[in-house]
Amino acid sequence: MSGSLTDTQLQQYERDGVLFPIPVLSSEEASRYLQFSNELEAHFGEHPTPAEMNQMQVHFRWAYDLVTHPKVLDAVEGVLGPNIVAWACALFSKGPHTAHFISWHQDGTYWNLDSTQVATAWIALSKSSVANGCMRVVPGSQTMDIQQHADTYVDDNLLSRGQEIEVDVDEADAVNVVLQPGEMSLHHVRIIHGSNCNGSDEKRVGYVIRYVTPEVRQHGARLQAILARGQDDFDHFDFVDPPLPDRDFAGAVEDMKESARQAVASVMQDSSAT
């Protein structure tokens, strides 16, 4: 398979279900994207949730440019191949000394996708450390089937339904995905992962992109997506053109809110009913 990943990296991803750190942005790029994301967050209030900070790549040119960044796609191509769809995006942000956390879960349990040809890119726009609540994964757990999850709706859980896996997770098996600004991790749609709260003085911001191959089908509503690389022969997604760089900010925010609402609704849908 082509792309920028080495055979050793690909073997590690196959074995562990996660690969990091992968350098993709310069320090200047990471700083610039962080500024854009901070400006957008500020419009939503003090602590917007990932459900609110969702699908900005469809409406803001900076976000579109990030999901189509060549170095990001070069790494993703190694895992998914040359035809890549940016299916969904969200901003996962934790302010200093906040209680926000993410419970142990598997993404594949609630995305309503019919394939595991899915890879999540977690791009650090700020430092992501143990102290500020970096992502944690259980390497090798992607080989498990999707496990039963409970919707907890617990306060401070950043997941849309507070999804939590109903199997015991040994904390000793977990690995901290520590990243510097501009570095990225890739993880499998079935890997068990989560994160702790931010007990530090620094904000933690990660831009998270869900990439799929064009043959993947989503049950239920079709979401707007981006054909990031290659070609599509399946027509499972409604592809959008790049947003205009000088688009009106307020109008883009309102359209983003509607896209986010549709995306969350698709996640909330019971896949067993489709």
Protein backbone atom coordinates (compact mmCIF):
# COMPACT_ATOMS: atom_id res chain seq x y z
CA MET A 1 0.00 0.00 0.00
CA SER A 2 1.27 3.49 -0.83
CA GLY A 3 1.42 6.53 1.43
CA SER A 4 4.03 7.93 3.78
CA LEU A 5 3.98 5.22 6.45
CA THR A 6 6.82 2.72 6.59
CA ASP A 7 6.32 -1.03 6.68
CA THR A 8 7.25 -0.96 10.36
CA GLN A 9 4.62 1.70 11.09
CA LEU A 10 1.97 -0.22 9.18
CA GLN A 11 2.79 -3.39 11.08
CA GLN A 12 2.52 -1.46 14.34
CA TYR A 13 -0.89 -0.06 13.36
CA GLU A 14 -2.06 -3.53 12.37
CA ARG A 15 -0.86 -4.98 15.68
CA ASP A 16 -1.84 -2.20 18.09
CA GLY A 17 -4.71 -0.42 16.33
CA VAL A 18 -2.99 2.90 16.99
CA LEU A 19 0.04 4.71 15.61
CA PHE A 20 1.72 7.83 17.01
CA PRO A 21 3.38 10.28 16.91
CA ILE A 22 3.13 11.17 13.21
CA PRO A 23 4.47 14.67 12.37
CA VAL A 24 2.06 16.40 9.96
CA LEU A 25 2.03 20.14 10.71
CA SER A 26 4.78 22.66 11.20
CA SER A 27 4.74 24.61 14.46
CA GLU A 28 3.53 27.65 12.52
CA GLU A 29 0.67 25.66 10.95
CA ALA A 30 -0.38 24.19 14.29
CA SER A 31 -0.38 27.66 15.86
CA ARG A 32 -2.44 29.09 13.00
CA TYR A 33 -5.04 26.30 13.12
CA LEU A 34 -5.22 26.63 16.90
CA GLN A 35 -5.98 30.34 16.53
CA PHE A 36 -8.77 29.59 14.05
CA SER A 37 -10.27 26.93 16.31
CA ASN A 38 -10.06 29.18 19.38
CA GLU A 39 -11.90 31.95 17.53
CA LEU A 40 -14.65 29.54 16.55
CA GLU A 41 -14.89 28.10 20.07
CA ALA A 42 -15.22 31.59 21.51
CA HIS A 43 -18.35 32.13 19.43
CA PHE A 44 -20.01 29.16 21.18
CA GLY A 45 -19.18 30.14 24.75
CA GLU A 46 -16.76 29.08 27.45
CA HIS A 47 -16.76 25.28 27.05
CA PRO A 48 -18.45 24.12 23.81
CA THR A 49 -18.83 20.37 23.40
CA PRO A 50 -17.51 18.29 20.50
CA ALA A 51 -21.14 17.86 19.43
CA GLU A 52 -21.30 21.62 18.92
CA MET A 53 -17.80 21.90 17.42
CA ASN A 54 -18.68 19.51 14.66
CA GLN A 55 -18.47 19.49 10.86
CA MET A 56 -16.68 22.83 10.55
CA GLN A 57 -14.73 21.43 7.59
CA VAL A 58 -17.83 21.81 5.42
CA HIS A 59 -18.22 25.53 6.16
CA PHE A 60 -14.79 26.98 7.04
CA ARG A 61 -11.92 26.99 4.57
CA TRP A 62 -9.23 26.60 7.26
CA ALA A 63 -10.92 23.43 8.50
CA TYR A 64 -11.31 22.10 4.95
CA ASP A 65 -7.63 22.78 4.32
CA LEU A 66 -6.70 20.86 7.45
CA VAL A 67 -8.68 17.72 6.56
CA THR A 68 -7.15 17.77 3.06
CA HIS A 69 -3.61 18.55 4.25
CA PRO A 70 -1.21 16.46 2.11
CA LYS A 71 0.86 15.15 5.03
CA VAL A 72 -2.26 14.06 6.89
CA LEU A 73 -3.62 12.30 3.82
CA ASP A 74 -0.27 10.69 3.03
CA ALA A 75 -0.37 8.95 6.41
CA VAL A 76 -4.04 8.01 6.11
CA GLU A 77 -3.42 6.59 2.64
CA GLY A 78 -1.07 4.05 4.13
CA VAL A 79 -3.95 2.67 6.20
CA LEU A 80 -6.97 3.15 3.92
CA GLY A 81 -5.55 3.28 0.41
CA PRO A 82 -5.64 6.00 -2.27
CA ASN A 83 -9.39 6.80 -2.17
CA ILE A 84 -10.17 8.75 0.99
CA VAL A 85 -13.37 10.41 2.23
CA ALA A 86 -13.33 12.87 5.12
CA TRP A 87 -16.62 11.72 6.63
CA ALA A 88 -16.82 13.71 9.85
CA CYS A 89 -14.79 16.04 12.05
CA ALA A 90 -14.98 17.47 15.54
CA LEU A 91 -12.93 19.59 17.90
CA PHE A 92 -12.12 17.99 21.25
CA SER A 93 -11.06 20.76 23.59
CA LYS A 94 -10.45 20.72 27.34
CA GLY A 95 -9.85 23.94 29.22
CA PRO A 96 -7.40 24.17 32.12
CA HIS A 97 -8.60 22.52 35.34
CA THR A 98 -11.88 21.32 33.85
CA ALA A 99 -13.62 18.05 34.69
CA HIS A 100 -14.32 17.05 31.09
CA PHE A 101 -13.38 13.48 30.27
CA ILE A 102 -14.16 10.75 27.74
CA SER A 103 -15.26 7.33 28.97
CA TRP A 104 -13.81 4.09 27.66
CA HIS A 105 -15.59 3.27 24.41
CA GLN A 106 -15.29 1.94 20.84
CA ASP A 107 -16.23 4.34 18.07
CA GLY A 108 -17.67 1.62 15.87
CA THR A 109 -20.51 0.90 18.26
CA TYR A 110 -22.47 4.05 17.42
CA TRP A 111 -21.36 5.49 14.09
CA ASN A 112 -23.76 3.37 12.00
CA LEU A 113 -21.11 2.54 9.40
CA ASP A 114 -21.14 -0.84 7.67
CA SER A 115 -17.37 -1.33 7.51
CA THR A 116 -14.18 -1.05 9.54
CA GLN A 117 -12.44 0.74 6.67
CA VAL A 118 -12.32 3.74 8.95
CA ALA A 119 -9.39 5.57 10.52
CA THR A 120 -9.48 8.44 12.99
CA ALA A 121 -6.79 11.10 12.77
CA TRP A 122 -6.30 12.96 16.07
CA ILE A 123 -4.28 16.10 15.29
CA ALA A 124 -2.79 17.95 18.25
CA LEU A 125 -3.18 21.72 17.81
CA SER A 126 -1.77 22.18 21.31
CA LYS A 127 0.35 19.91 23.45
CA SER A 128 -1.54 16.78 24.49
CA SER A 129 -0.03 15.36 27.67
CA VAL A 130 -0.92 13.10 30.57
CA ALA A 131 -1.41 16.19 32.74
CA ASN A 132 -3.93 17.86 30.40
CA GLY A 133 -5.93 14.75 29.56
CA CYS A 134 -4.43 13.18 26.45
CA MET A 135 -6.19 10.32 24.71
CA ARG A 136 -5.56 6.86 26.16
CA VAL A 137 -5.92 3.60 24.22
CA VAL A 138 -5.79 -0.12 24.90
CA PRO A 139 -3.45 -1.46 22.18
CA GLY A 140 -4.68 -4.60 20.49
CA SER A 141 -8.30 -4.13 21.57
CA GLN A 142 -9.30 -3.38 17.96
CA THR A 143 -9.30 -7.15 17.38
CA MET A 144 -12.34 -7.47 19.64
CA ASP A 145 -15.87 -7.40 18.31
CA ILE A 146 -17.97 -4.38 19.20
CA GLN A 147 -18.83 -4.75 22.87
CA GLN A 148 -21.99 -3.74 24.70
CA HIS A 149 -22.06 -0.04 25.66
CA ALA A 150 -24.27 1.90 28.05
CA ASP A 151 -25.49 5.45 27.38
CA THR A 152 -24.76 7.20 30.68
CA TYR A 153 -25.31 10.89 29.80
CA VAL A 154 -22.97 11.68 32.69
CA ASP A 155 -22.14 15.35 33.23
CA ASP A 156 -18.69 16.34 31.94
CA ASN A 157 -18.47 13.32 29.60
CA LEU A 158 -17.63 14.84 26.22
CA LEU A 159 -19.27 12.03 24.23
CA SER A 160 -22.70 12.80 22.82
CA ARG A 161 -24.44 10.07 24.83
CA GLY A 162 -21.85 9.43 27.51
CA GLN A 163 -21.20 6.07 25.87
CA GLU A 164 -19.24 3.69 28.09
CA ILE A 165 -18.10 0.17 27.30
CA GLU A 166 -19.58 -2.47 29.60
CA VAL A 167 -16.44 -4.55 30.03
CA ASP A 168 -13.73 -4.11 32.61
CA VAL A 169 -10.76 -2.14 31.27
CA ASP A 170 -7.48 -2.70 33.07
CA GLU A 171 -5.86 0.71 33.44
CA ALA A 172 -2.47 -1.00 33.38
CA ASP A 173 -3.11 -2.01 29.76
CA ALA A 174 -3.70 1.58 28.62
CA VAL A 175 -1.16 3.69 26.74
CA ASN A 176 -1.06 7.49 26.85
CA VAL A 177 -1.10 9.06 23.39
CA VAL A 178 1.20 11.98 24.12
CA LEU A 179 1.53 14.44 21.24
CA GLN A 180 3.28 17.73 20.57
CA PRO A 181 1.55 20.49 18.56
CA GLY A 182 1.47 19.42 14.91
CA GLU A 183 1.75 15.71 15.66
CA MET A 184 -1.01 13.23 14.91
CA SER A 185 -2.18 9.79 15.92
CA LEU A 186 -4.19 7.31 13.87
CA HIS A 187 -6.50 4.82 15.52
CA HIS A 188 -8.81 2.00 14.48
CA VAL A 189 -12.58 2.34 14.71
CA ARG A 190 -12.83 -0.57 17.17
CA ILE A 191 -10.01 0.25 19.55
CA ILE A 192 -11.00 0.93 23.17
CA HIS A 193 -10.03 4.47 24.08
CA GLY A 194 -10.91 7.41 26.32
CA SER A 195 -9.27 10.25 28.21
CA ASN A 196 -9.03 11.78 31.68
CA CYS A 197 -9.82 15.32 32.74
CA ASN A 198 -7.42 18.24 32.37
CA GLY A 199 -5.77 18.98 35.69
CA SER A 200 -3.14 21.30 34.24
CA ASP A 201 -2.83 25.03 33.60
CA GLU A 202 -2.84 24.59 29.82
CA LYS A 203 -5.63 24.04 27.34
CA ARG A 204 -5.69 20.82 25.32
CA VAL A 205 -7.08 21.02 21.78
CA GLY A 206 -7.33 18.17 19.29
CA TYR A 207 -8.84 18.33 15.82
CA VAL A 208 -10.31 14.92 15.11
CA ILE A 209 -11.04 13.69 11.57
CA ARG A 210 -12.90 10.48 10.71
CA TYR A 211 -11.70 9.13 7.36
CA VAL A 212 -13.39 6.30 5.47
CA THR A 213 -13.05 4.66 2.07
CA PRO A 214 -15.75 5.48 -0.51
CA GLU A 215 -17.31 2.01 -0.37
CA VAL A 216 -18.25 2.48 3.28
CA ARG A 217 -21.97 3.10 3.68
CA GLN A 218 -23.62 4.98 6.51
CA HIS A 219 -27.03 3.75 7.58
CA GLY A 220 -29.68 6.42 7.81
CA ALA A 221 -29.20 10.02 6.70
CA ARG A 222 -26.47 10.88 4.22
CA LEU A 223 -24.04 13.41 5.63
CA GLN A 224 -22.11 16.00 3.70
CA ALA A 225 -18.54 14.85 3.25
CA ILE A 226 -15.32 15.69 1.42
CA LEU A 227 -13.64 13.54 -1.20
CA ALA A 228 -10.21 14.26 0.20
CA ARG A 229 -8.18 12.13 -2.22
CA GLY A 230 -8.72 9.79 -5.14
CA GLN A 231 -12.07 8.91 -6.66
CA ASP A 232 -15.51 7.70 -5.62
CA ASP A 233 -17.35 4.95 -7.51
CA PHE A 234 -20.11 4.30 -4.96
CA ASP A 235 -22.13 7.51 -4.39
CA HIS A 236 -22.68 6.92 -0.66
CA PHE A 237 -21.95 10.50 0.40
CA ASP A 238 -22.95 14.03 -0.58
CA PHE A 239 -19.64 15.66 -1.42
CA VAL A 240 -19.19 19.40 -1.00
CA ASP A 241 -16.92 21.89 -2.71
CA PRO A 242 -14.26 23.78 -0.73
CA PRO A 243 -15.79 26.63 1.31
CA LEU A 244 -14.96 30.10 0.08
CA PRO A 245 -12.00 31.56 2.01
CA ASP A 246 -13.81 34.86 2.59
CA ARG A 247 -17.19 33.41 3.50
CA ASP A 248 -19.28 35.39 6.00
CA PHE A 249 -18.37 34.12 9.48
CA ALA A 250 -21.82 34.40 11.05
CA GLY A 251 -23.47 32.62 8.14
CA ALA A 252 -20.88 29.84 8.23
CA VAL A 253 -21.49 29.37 11.97
CA GLU A 254 -25.25 29.02 11.49
CA ASP A 255 -24.79 26.49 8.69
CA MET A 256 -22.27 24.60 10.81
CA LYS A 257 -24.81 24.36 13.64
CA GLU A 258 -27.27 22.65 11.29
CA SER A 259 -24.61 20.28 9.96
CA ALA A 260 -23.62 19.45 13.53
CA ARG A 261 -27.25 18.78 14.45
CA GLN A 262 -27.59 16.36 11.54
CA ALA A 263 -24.33 14.63 12.40
CA VAL A 264 -25.30 14.15 16.05
CA ALA A 265 -28.74 12.90 15.02
CA SER A 266 -27.11 10.23 12.85
CA VAL A 267 -24.99 9.11 15.81
CA MET A 268 -28.00 9.07 18.14
CA GLN A 269 -29.92 6.85 15.73
CA ASP A 270 -30.25 3.22 16.78
CA SER A 271 -28.30 1.27 14.16
CA SER A 272 -30.31 -1.85 14.92
CA ALA A 273 -33.35 -0.14 13.47
CA THR A 274 -31.77 0.60 10.10
